[in-house]
Amino acid sequence: MKSDPSGSTFLFQGGAGNVKKIIVVVLAIFLLRGLITAEPLVPEPQEEFQDYRLVYANLHTHTRFSDAKSDLPGVVATKIDRDLAAPDQVINANLKRFDGMALTDHAEHLSDWEWAQQAQFTREYSTDGKVLLRGFELTGTPEPENLLQKLPQYNPGWGHILVFDTERRVAARQEGDGNSPILPNESNFISPLTWMANEPGAVGIFAHPELYMTERGGIEQTFNGFKACPDDLPGAREKMVACELSSHGPEYTGLGDGKELRSSNEACYRELLRNKWRVGAVMSGDEHFPPYGNAETVAGLFVKDRTESGILEALRARRVFGTELPGAVIYLIVSAPKRGITWTMGQTIPLTADFEPDESFIVNAVALPPKGKVESISIVVVAPRLESDRIYTSPPLNGEADNLGDIPTVGEIRTQGVCCVYAKATFRLALGLRKDIISSPIWFEY
């Protein structure tokens, strides 16, 4: 254990296993300046999650129920491709690698028969600890004038939403033999939010936001410019549980710099958070081309049980994370030593009147890769404005510390309007390859 003058504690543990060496990096940030101790004052983050089971799921997949109906070049263009896109092929390929998955074909293509078939698939394949969810992708883009404009990055609109746990489906338009009911005022983002708010049990995820951020797109339209949920739709705010921090688009190169909306899914995530959307972090495959089941970006979920209801409960609780390295895990906790209370990712800290301005918190994050090494781990403090966000990063294993500075006290959290904290880490693999992992936040309420 070593402490540095910044008030951050770093613990490096190396152990030899049968196959590989796992490196654990712990970053403990003290929110009271000058508080430095030789030992951690909080439990290990892993201990706070020991009552849950960790599962991995690909929550964004497509079959020929939508892909085979697309006229985009190269999408299931041949009979072989269409056979590979058969639902049973896609399901088997994903459940061979992951604990769970969701069918999310585009709603505008789905027929009543296909929607019923997907319900039957969930009963057939949710067995032996594997979980299949039925859902759909609500595609909020207008009918394109030409084929190029059909590509999301060239087609400004309010974006895409993944929807789960509903008996009904809805679409912004109909294509081919699809007969999903059409949203009223389908070009306005308030329309799907209203539907979500009124749909019993609905669970929604903001899909691949960075995909629409090219110069021909526009942040003014995507998810209504990332603006806060209307006050008269609190149900929609609660039902939109996560933001997908991966995309199949040509611009996706990772989380991005966290700042530029047109090139960074993480920047879009932060924009939603600062505008009071209570969204966790997930990643998924969203494969539109065979071979299916090769997703490298997936969601990790801390579930109470490996069932459909268990995965949905973890999503609603925001007890989830996104990873570019399947098998990796990240833990995040915030502790109040004076009170002996610890909060975990997805939870909210109520900063009630009895919290003193100089009272301290400790933010503690741990990242574990299945292979390779942890290069760095960061705590991100999200404020009302981008320029006020703060990032505290551990010393990289191959370089100097960066972004270690003054950390806000409880009083500063209130006065600066800090809304939440989350953690992210970078793993270094062979040949210099890097992969990211990102947690759901812990929120402050005051």
Protein backbone atom coordinates (compact mmCIF):
# COMPACT_ATOMS: atom_id res chain seq x y z
CA MET A 1 0.00 0.00 0.00
CA LYS A 2 1.29 3.46 -0.80
CA SER A 3 -0.24 6.90 -0.43
CA ASP A 4 0.68 9.95 -2.46
CA PRO A 5 0.21 13.61 -1.57
CA SER A 6 -2.86 13.91 -3.81
CA GLY A 7 -4.95 11.93 -1.36
CA SER A 8 -5.31 8.90 -3.65
CA THR A 9 -4.47 5.38 -2.52
CA PHE A 10 -3.36 2.79 -5.02
CA LEU A 11 -3.17 -0.94 -4.32
CA PHE A 12 -1.47 -3.22 -6.80
CA GLN A 13 -1.80 -6.97 -6.32
CA GLY A 14 -0.18 -9.47 -8.61
CA GLY A 15 -0.83 -13.19 -8.37
CA ALA A 16 0.27 -16.13 -10.46
CA GLY A 17 -2.58 -18.31 -11.67
CA ASN A 18 -2.58 -21.50 -13.68
CA VAL A 19 -2.86 -19.65 -16.95
CA LYS A 20 -2.50 -15.93 -16.48
CA LYS A 21 -1.60 -13.13 -14.14
CA ILE A 22 -4.39 -10.83 -13.00
CA ILE A 23 -3.57 -7.34 -11.84
CA VAL A 24 -5.94 -5.50 -9.58
CA VAL A 25 -5.86 -1.74 -9.44
CA VAL A 26 -7.72 0.05 -6.68
CA LEU A 27 -8.23 3.81 -6.79
CA ALA A 28 -9.52 5.28 -3.54
CA ILE A 29 -10.35 8.97 -3.72
CA PHE A 30 -10.85 10.95 -0.53
CA LEU A 31 -13.37 13.74 -0.86
CA LEU A 32 -11.94 15.53 2.18
CA ARG A 33 -8.63 17.18 1.33
CA GLY A 34 -5.69 16.16 3.39
CA LEU A 35 -7.18 12.87 4.64
CA ILE A 36 -4.44 10.28 4.06
CA THR A 37 -4.26 6.95 5.85
CA ALA A 38 -2.05 3.92 5.57
CA GLU A 39 -4.97 1.51 5.13
CA PRO A 40 -8.31 1.74 3.31
CA LEU A 41 -11.21 2.94 5.42
CA VAL A 42 -13.79 1.13 3.31
CA PRO A 43 -14.48 -2.49 2.45
CA GLU A 44 -13.13 -3.95 -0.77
CA PRO A 45 -15.62 -3.15 -3.54
CA GLN A 46 -15.93 -6.83 -4.46
CA GLU A 47 -17.30 -7.53 -0.98
CA GLU A 48 -20.25 -5.23 -1.59
CA PHE A 49 -21.30 -7.30 -4.62
CA GLN A 50 -20.89 -10.77 -3.12
CA ASP A 51 -24.66 -11.28 -2.83
CA TYR A 52 -25.03 -10.98 -6.61
CA ARG A 53 -24.09 -13.22 -9.52
CA LEU A 54 -22.16 -11.67 -12.40
CA VAL A 55 -23.54 -12.42 -15.86
CA TYR A 56 -22.71 -11.16 -19.34
CA ALA A 57 -25.35 -10.42 -21.96
CA ASN A 58 -25.54 -9.09 -25.50
CA LEU A 59 -28.58 -6.82 -25.23
CA HIS A 60 -28.68 -5.65 -28.86
CA THR A 61 -28.99 -8.29 -31.60
CA HIS A 62 -30.69 -8.66 -34.97
CA THR A 63 -32.04 -11.57 -36.98
CA ARG A 64 -33.45 -11.90 -40.47
CA PHE A 65 -36.74 -10.66 -39.04
CA SER A 66 -35.25 -7.25 -39.71
CA ASP A 67 -31.83 -7.69 -41.34
CA ALA A 68 -33.05 -9.84 -44.24
CA LYS A 69 -35.61 -7.15 -45.07
CA SER A 70 -33.06 -4.35 -45.30
CA ASP A 71 -32.00 -2.93 -48.66
CA LEU A 72 -28.71 -1.63 -47.30
CA PRO A 73 -25.72 -2.93 -49.30
CA GLY A 74 -24.21 -6.10 -47.86
CA VAL A 75 -26.77 -6.71 -45.10
CA VAL A 76 -27.72 -10.43 -45.30
CA ALA A 77 -27.45 -10.11 -49.07
CA THR A 78 -27.29 -13.81 -49.96
CA LYS A 79 -29.30 -16.92 -49.11
CA ILE A 80 -26.39 -18.16 -46.99
CA ASP A 81 -26.42 -14.88 -45.07
CA ARG A 82 -30.17 -15.12 -44.57
CA ASP A 83 -29.79 -18.65 -43.21
CA LEU A 84 -27.09 -17.46 -40.81
CA ALA A 85 -29.41 -14.66 -39.71
CA ALA A 86 -32.17 -17.12 -38.80
CA PRO A 87 -33.28 -16.47 -35.21
CA ASP A 88 -32.20 -19.89 -33.96
CA GLN A 89 -28.73 -19.39 -35.45
CA VAL A 90 -28.31 -15.95 -33.88
CA ILE A 91 -29.63 -17.15 -30.51
CA ASN A 92 -27.43 -20.24 -30.39
CA ALA A 93 -24.33 -18.29 -31.41
CA ASN A 94 -24.85 -15.70 -28.66
CA LEU A 95 -25.92 -18.04 -25.87
CA LYS A 96 -22.90 -20.23 -26.59
CA ARG A 97 -20.68 -17.31 -25.52
CA PHE A 98 -22.79 -15.32 -23.07
CA ASP A 99 -25.17 -15.92 -20.19
CA GLY A 100 -27.93 -13.92 -21.80
CA MET A 101 -29.03 -11.95 -24.83
CA ALA A 102 -31.94 -9.90 -26.14
CA LEU A 103 -33.64 -10.03 -29.53
CA THR A 104 -34.03 -6.43 -30.70
CA ASP A 105 -35.07 -6.49 -34.32
CA HIS A 106 -36.14 -3.14 -35.78
CA ALA A 107 -39.80 -2.58 -34.97
CA GLU A 108 -40.65 -1.16 -38.40
CA HIS A 109 -39.88 -4.58 -39.93
CA LEU A 110 -41.62 -6.82 -37.37
CA SER A 111 -44.88 -8.55 -38.20
CA ASP A 112 -47.36 -9.85 -35.65
CA TRP A 113 -46.27 -13.42 -36.39
CA GLU A 114 -42.57 -12.59 -35.89
CA TRP A 115 -43.30 -10.79 -32.63
CA ALA A 116 -45.20 -13.87 -31.39
CA GLN A 117 -42.37 -16.14 -32.57
CA GLN A 118 -39.87 -14.20 -30.50
CA ALA A 119 -42.01 -14.72 -27.40
CA GLN A 120 -41.95 -18.45 -28.13
CA PHE A 121 -38.15 -18.36 -28.50
CA THR A 122 -37.80 -16.88 -25.00
CA ARG A 123 -39.65 -19.86 -23.58
CA GLU A 124 -37.62 -22.36 -25.57
CA TYR A 125 -34.14 -20.96 -25.00
CA SER A 126 -34.30 -19.58 -21.45
CA THR A 127 -33.06 -22.73 -19.79
CA ASP A 128 -30.02 -24.18 -18.03
CA GLY A 129 -28.97 -20.79 -16.69
CA LYS A 130 -29.22 -19.08 -20.09
CA VAL A 131 -31.59 -16.14 -20.54
CA LEU A 132 -33.23 -14.84 -23.72
CA LEU A 133 -35.14 -11.55 -23.60
CA ARG A 134 -37.62 -10.32 -26.18
CA GLY A 135 -37.37 -6.69 -27.18
CA PHE A 136 -37.30 -4.41 -30.18
CA GLU A 137 -35.35 -1.46 -31.53
CA LEU A 138 -37.49 1.65 -31.91
CA THR A 139 -35.94 3.46 -34.87
CA GLY A 140 -36.59 7.18 -34.67
CA THR A 141 -35.37 8.20 -38.07
CA PRO A 142 -37.51 9.58 -40.91
CA GLU A 143 -38.04 7.78 -44.19
CA PRO A 144 -34.86 8.48 -46.21
CA GLU A 145 -34.87 10.13 -49.59
CA ASN A 146 -32.18 7.79 -50.88
CA LEU A 147 -30.27 4.70 -49.84
CA LEU A 148 -27.28 6.60 -48.43
CA GLN A 149 -29.54 8.61 -46.15
CA LYS A 150 -30.87 5.37 -44.69
CA LEU A 151 -27.56 4.90 -42.90
CA PRO A 152 -28.01 6.36 -39.39
CA GLN A 153 -24.91 8.54 -39.57
CA TYR A 154 -26.39 10.34 -42.60
CA ASN A 155 -29.96 10.44 -41.38
CA PRO A 156 -30.73 13.02 -38.69
CA GLY A 157 -33.50 11.99 -36.34
CA TRP A 158 -34.22 11.55 -32.66
CA GLY A 159 -32.22 8.34 -32.46
CA HIS A 160 -32.86 4.70 -31.59
CA ILE A 161 -34.17 3.14 -28.36
CA LEU A 162 -33.99 -0.49 -27.26
CA VAL A 163 -37.17 -1.58 -25.48
CA PHE A 164 -37.72 -4.66 -23.28
CA ASP A 165 -40.37 -6.25 -21.07
CA THR A 166 -43.47 -5.14 -22.98
CA GLU A 167 -46.32 -7.14 -24.47
CA ARG A 168 -46.77 -4.53 -27.18
CA ARG A 169 -44.38 -3.06 -29.70
CA VAL A 170 -44.47 0.26 -31.52
CA ALA A 171 -42.63 1.80 -34.47
CA ALA A 172 -41.96 5.20 -35.99
CA ARG A 173 -42.89 3.82 -39.43
CA GLN A 174 -43.61 0.52 -41.19
CA GLU A 175 -41.48 -1.20 -43.81
CA GLY A 176 -42.16 -4.31 -45.91
CA ASP A 177 -44.45 -6.74 -44.11
CA GLY A 178 -43.89 -4.99 -40.78
CA ASN A 179 -47.14 -3.95 -39.15
CA SER A 180 -46.08 -2.58 -35.76
CA PRO A 181 -48.45 0.18 -34.60
CA ILE A 182 -47.07 3.61 -35.47
CA LEU A 183 -46.34 6.22 -32.83
CA PRO A 184 -48.40 9.39 -32.99
CA ASN A 185 -46.23 12.34 -34.00
CA GLU A 186 -43.42 9.86 -34.71
CA SER A 187 -40.86 12.54 -35.64
CA ASN A 188 -40.89 14.07 -32.14
CA PHE A 189 -38.81 12.48 -29.37
CA ILE A 190 -41.53 13.26 -26.83
CA SER A 191 -43.72 10.69 -28.57
CA PRO A 192 -41.64 7.58 -27.68
CA LEU A 193 -41.02 8.97 -24.20
CA THR A 194 -44.76 9.32 -23.67
CA TRP A 195 -45.29 5.77 -24.89
CA MET A 196 -42.55 4.47 -22.55
CA ALA A 197 -44.03 6.35 -19.59
CA ASN A 198 -47.45 4.79 -20.16
CA GLU A 199 -46.34 1.28 -21.07
CA PRO A 200 -46.45 -1.07 -18.03
CA GLY A 201 -43.10 -2.60 -17.21
CA ALA A 202 -41.21 -1.04 -20.12
CA VAL A 203 -37.41 -0.88 -19.88
CA GLY A 204 -35.51 1.35 -22.32
CA ILE A 205 -31.89 1.92 -23.37
CA PHE A 206 -30.54 4.87 -25.38
CA ALA A 207 -28.88 3.08 -28.32
CA HIS A 208 -25.48 3.97 -29.80
CA PRO A 209 -25.76 7.79 -29.50
CA GLU A 210 -22.42 8.55 -31.15
CA LEU A 211 -23.63 6.89 -34.35
CA TYR A 212 -25.67 9.97 -35.26
CA MET A 213 -23.06 12.59 -34.45
CA THR A 214 -21.50 13.10 -37.89
CA GLU A 215 -21.50 16.50 -39.56
CA ARG A 216 -24.58 15.54 -41.58
CA GLY A 217 -26.36 14.49 -38.39
CA GLY A 218 -26.82 16.85 -35.50
CA ILE A 219 -26.96 16.91 -31.74
CA GLU A 220 -29.98 19.20 -31.98
CA GLN A 221 -32.21 16.24 -32.90
CA THR A 222 -30.62 13.20 -31.27
CA PHE A 223 -32.60 12.34 -28.13
CA ASN A 224 -33.96 15.89 -28.27
CA GLY A 225 -30.43 17.28 -28.01
CA PHE A 226 -29.83 15.21 -24.84
CA LYS A 227 -32.11 17.57 -22.95
CA ALA A 228 -33.63 16.64 -19.60
CA CYS A 229 -36.76 14.50 -19.52
CA PRO A 230 -39.90 16.67 -19.43
CA ASP A 231 -41.21 17.15 -15.90
CA ASP A 232 -44.58 15.75 -16.85
CA LEU A 233 -43.03 12.41 -17.92
CA PRO A 234 -41.27 11.15 -14.76
CA GLY A 235 -42.18 7.60 -15.74
CA ALA A 236 -40.06 7.88 -18.89
CA ARG A 237 -37.09 9.12 -16.88
CA GLU A 238 -37.30 6.10 -14.61
CA LYS A 239 -37.83 3.59 -17.43
CA MET A 240 -34.87 4.74 -19.54
CA VAL A 241 -32.34 2.75 -17.53
CA ALA A 242 -29.11 2.83 -19.54
CA CYS A 243 -27.05 4.27 -22.36
CA GLU A 244 -25.35 1.99 -24.86
CA LEU A 245 -21.70 3.01 -25.06
CA SER A 246 -20.84 1.05 -28.18
CA SER A 247 -21.99 1.23 -31.79
CA HIS A 248 -21.63 -0.62 -35.05
CA GLY A 249 -21.00 2.60 -36.95
CA PRO A 250 -17.83 3.36 -38.93
CA GLU A 251 -16.90 6.14 -36.50
CA TYR A 252 -16.78 3.91 -33.40
CA THR A 253 -13.24 3.55 -32.08
CA GLY A 254 -13.97 3.08 -28.38
CA LEU A 255 -15.39 5.28 -25.66
CA GLY A 256 -13.82 8.37 -27.20
CA ASP A 257 -12.49 11.39 -25.37
CA GLY A 258 -15.60 11.89 -23.24
CA LYS A 259 -15.94 15.45 -24.55
CA GLU A 260 -16.85 15.58 -28.24
CA LEU A 261 -20.44 14.48 -28.84
CA ARG A 262 -19.84 13.76 -32.52
CA SER A 263 -17.16 11.17 -31.84
CA SER A 264 -17.58 9.87 -28.30
CA ASN A 265 -20.26 7.62 -26.83
CA GLU A 266 -18.91 8.50 -23.39
CA ALA A 267 -19.46 12.20 -24.09
CA CYS A 268 -23.09 11.43 -24.98
CA TYR A 269 -23.40 9.39 -21.77
CA ARG A 270 -22.13 12.28 -19.68
CA GLU A 271 -24.48 14.69 -21.44
CA LEU A 272 -27.44 12.52 -20.52
CA LEU A 273 -26.21 12.25 -16.92
CA ARG A 274 -25.67 15.99 -16.47
CA ASN A 275 -29.20 16.54 -17.77
CA LYS A 276 -30.60 14.34 -15.00
CA TRP A 277 -31.21 11.16 -16.95
CA ARG A 278 -30.63 8.33 -14.49
CA VAL A 279 -28.92 5.97 -16.92
CA GLY A 280 -26.40 3.23 -16.31
CA ALA A 281 -23.71 2.06 -18.73
CA VAL A 282 -23.96 -0.94 -21.06
CA MET A 283 -22.32 -2.12 -24.26
CA SER A 284 -23.60 -4.61 -26.83
CA GLY A 285 -22.91 -6.13 -30.23
CA ASP A 286 -25.61 -4.80 -32.59
CA GLU A 287 -24.36 -7.11 -35.34
CA HIS A 288 -25.98 -6.69 -38.74
CA PHE A 289 -23.70 -9.01 -40.68
CA PRO A 290 -22.73 -12.66 -40.27
CA PRO A 291 -21.05 -14.30 -38.54
CA TYR A 292 -23.39 -13.47 -35.67
CA GLY A 293 -22.44 -14.10 -32.05
CA ASN A 294 -18.97 -12.54 -32.32
CA ALA A 295 -19.73 -9.47 -30.19
CA GLU A 296 -16.77 -8.11 -28.24
CA THR A 297 -18.73 -5.29 -26.61
CA VAL A 298 -21.18 -6.60 -24.01
CA ALA A 299 -23.00 -5.72 -20.81
CA GLY A 300 -22.06 -7.05 -17.40
CA LEU A 301 -24.91 -7.33 -14.90
CA PHE A 302 -24.92 -8.06 -11.18
CA VAL A 303 -28.08 -10.14 -10.86
CA LYS A 304 -29.92 -11.71 -7.95
CA ASP A 305 -30.69 -14.77 -10.07
CA ARG A 306 -29.97 -15.90 -13.62
CA THR A 307 -33.47 -15.45 -14.99
CA GLU A 308 -35.28 -12.97 -17.21
CA SER A 309 -36.64 -11.20 -14.14
CA GLY A 310 -33.13 -11.18 -12.64
CA ILE A 311 -31.62 -9.43 -15.66
CA LEU A 312 -34.48 -6.94 -15.87
CA GLU A 313 -34.17 -6.17 -12.14
CA ALA A 314 -30.43 -5.49 -12.53
CA LEU A 315 -31.15 -3.15 -15.46
CA ARG A 316 -33.80 -1.28 -13.51
CA ALA A 317 -31.40 -1.02 -10.55
CA ARG A 318 -28.63 0.25 -12.88
CA ARG A 319 -26.36 -2.47 -11.44
CA VAL A 320 -24.64 -2.87 -14.80
CA PHE A 321 -21.50 -1.96 -16.72
CA GLY A 322 -20.23 -2.00 -20.29
CA THR A 323 -17.04 -3.72 -21.42
CA GLU A 324 -15.06 -4.09 -24.64
CA LEU A 325 -13.45 -7.18 -23.11
CA PRO A 326 -15.93 -9.96 -22.28
CA GLY A 327 -15.07 -11.50 -18.93
CA ALA A 328 -13.73 -8.24 -17.48
CA VAL A 329 -15.44 -6.66 -14.48
CA ILE A 330 -15.49 -3.28 -12.77
CA TYR A 331 -16.74 -2.51 -9.26
CA LEU A 332 -17.59 0.93 -7.88
CA ILE A 333 -18.53 1.97 -4.33
CA VAL A 334 -18.78 5.23 -2.39
CA SER A 335 -18.44 5.12 1.39
CA ALA A 336 -19.11 7.60 4.18
CA PRO A 337 -16.63 6.56 6.93
CA LYS A 338 -18.23 8.82 9.52
CA ARG A 339 -21.57 7.08 9.03
CA GLY A 340 -20.41 3.57 8.25
CA ILE A 341 -22.53 3.50 5.08
CA THR A 342 -21.51 2.25 1.62
CA TRP A 343 -23.33 2.73 -1.68
CA THR A 344 -22.75 0.67 -4.83
CA MET A 345 -23.09 1.48 -8.51
CA GLY A 346 -26.66 2.30 -9.48
CA GLN A 347 -27.57 3.66 -6.06
CA THR A 348 -28.25 7.24 -4.94
CA ILE A 349 -26.65 9.05 -2.00
CA PRO A 350 -29.19 11.38 -0.35
CA LEU A 351 -27.22 14.43 0.78
CA THR A 352 -29.67 15.33 3.51
CA ALA A 353 -29.35 18.37 5.76
CA ASP A 354 -27.40 16.45 8.40
CA PHE A 355 -24.42 16.06 6.01
CA GLU A 356 -21.78 18.60 7.02
CA PRO A 357 -20.05 20.58 4.23
CA ASP A 358 -16.65 19.17 5.20
CA GLU A 359 -17.84 15.58 5.60
CA SER A 360 -15.80 13.07 3.61
CA PHE A 361 -16.62 10.33 1.16
CA ILE A 362 -14.32 7.71 -0.30
CA VAL A 363 -14.77 6.59 -3.90
CA ASN A 364 -13.28 3.16 -4.53
CA ALA A 365 -13.12 1.31 -7.86
CA VAL A 366 -11.61 -2.02 -8.88
CA ALA A 367 -11.17 -3.37 -12.42
CA LEU A 368 -10.28 -6.98 -13.23
CA PRO A 369 -9.46 -8.23 -16.74
CA PRO A 370 -9.62 -11.91 -17.78
CA LYS A 371 -6.33 -11.37 -19.61
CA GLY A 372 -3.76 -8.62 -20.05
CA LYS A 373 -3.12 -5.86 -17.53
CA VAL A 374 -4.89 -2.87 -16.07
CA GLU A 375 -3.25 0.18 -17.60
CA SER A 376 -5.20 2.83 -15.70
CA ILE A 377 -8.41 3.38 -13.81
CA SER A 378 -10.31 6.65 -13.45
CA ILE A 379 -13.07 8.21 -11.41
CA VAL A 380 -15.20 10.70 -13.37
CA VAL A 381 -17.11 13.40 -11.49
CA VAL A 382 -19.98 14.73 -13.64
CA ALA A 383 -20.96 18.38 -13.16
CA PRO A 384 -23.63 20.57 -14.80
CA ARG A 385 -21.14 21.73 -17.45
CA LEU A 386 -18.52 19.82 -19.36
CA GLU A 387 -15.74 22.20 -18.36
CA SER A 388 -16.50 21.51 -14.70
CA ASP A 389 -16.24 17.72 -14.97
CA ARG A 390 -13.29 16.25 -13.09
CA ILE A 391 -11.34 13.09 -13.85
CA TYR A 392 -9.00 11.44 -11.33
CA THR A 393 -6.78 8.82 -12.91
CA SER A 394 -4.43 6.32 -11.26
CA PRO A 395 -0.80 6.31 -12.38
CA PRO A 396 -0.73 4.19 -15.55
CA LEU A 397 1.41 1.10 -15.31
CA ASN A 398 3.50 2.43 -18.20
CA GLY A 399 3.55 6.15 -17.50
CA GLU A 400 3.09 9.06 -15.13
CA ALA A 401 -0.03 10.00 -13.18
CA ASP A 402 -2.45 12.32 -14.89
CA ASN A 403 -5.42 14.45 -13.82
CA LEU A 404 -4.79 14.08 -10.09
CA GLY A 405 -5.84 17.31 -8.40
CA ASP A 406 -8.12 18.81 -5.79
CA ILE A 407 -11.18 16.70 -5.09
CA PRO A 408 -14.55 18.28 -4.15
CA THR A 409 -15.79 18.13 -0.58
CA VAL A 410 -19.45 17.49 0.25
CA GLY A 411 -20.01 21.23 0.37
CA GLU A 412 -18.45 21.64 -3.06
CA ILE A 413 -20.57 18.80 -4.42
CA ARG A 414 -23.63 20.81 -3.45
CA THR A 415 -22.42 24.21 -4.61
CA GLN A 416 -20.99 22.90 -7.91
CA GLY A 417 -24.08 20.83 -8.67
CA VAL A 418 -22.20 17.52 -9.03
CA CYS A 419 -24.75 14.90 -10.09
CA CYS A 420 -22.83 11.62 -9.99
CA VAL A 421 -19.53 9.72 -10.20
CA TYR A 422 -18.64 6.70 -12.30
CA ALA A 423 -15.51 4.65 -12.96
CA LYS A 424 -13.76 3.48 -16.09
CA ALA A 425 -10.57 1.54 -16.80
CA THR A 426 -8.32 0.69 -19.72
CA PHE A 427 -6.79 -2.77 -20.14
CA ARG A 428 -3.61 -3.33 -22.13
CA LEU A 429 -3.51 -6.59 -24.07
CA ALA A 430 -0.93 -8.20 -26.32
CA LEU A 431 0.46 -6.24 -29.28
CA GLY A 432 -0.47 -2.96 -27.60
CA LEU A 433 -4.22 -3.51 -28.00
CA ARG A 434 -6.34 -1.57 -25.50
CA LYS A 435 -9.86 -2.24 -24.29
CA ASP A 436 -12.11 -0.10 -22.08
CA ILE A 437 -14.65 -0.87 -19.37
CA ILE A 438 -17.08 1.61 -17.79
CA SER A 439 -19.41 1.46 -14.80
CA SER A 440 -22.84 2.81 -14.04
CA PRO A 441 -22.80 5.86 -11.79
CA ILE A 442 -23.52 6.48 -8.15
CA TRP A 443 -25.75 9.55 -7.90
CA PHE A 444 -25.93 12.42 -5.41
CA GLU A 445 -29.37 13.75 -4.53
CA TYR A 446 -29.83 17.08 -2.75
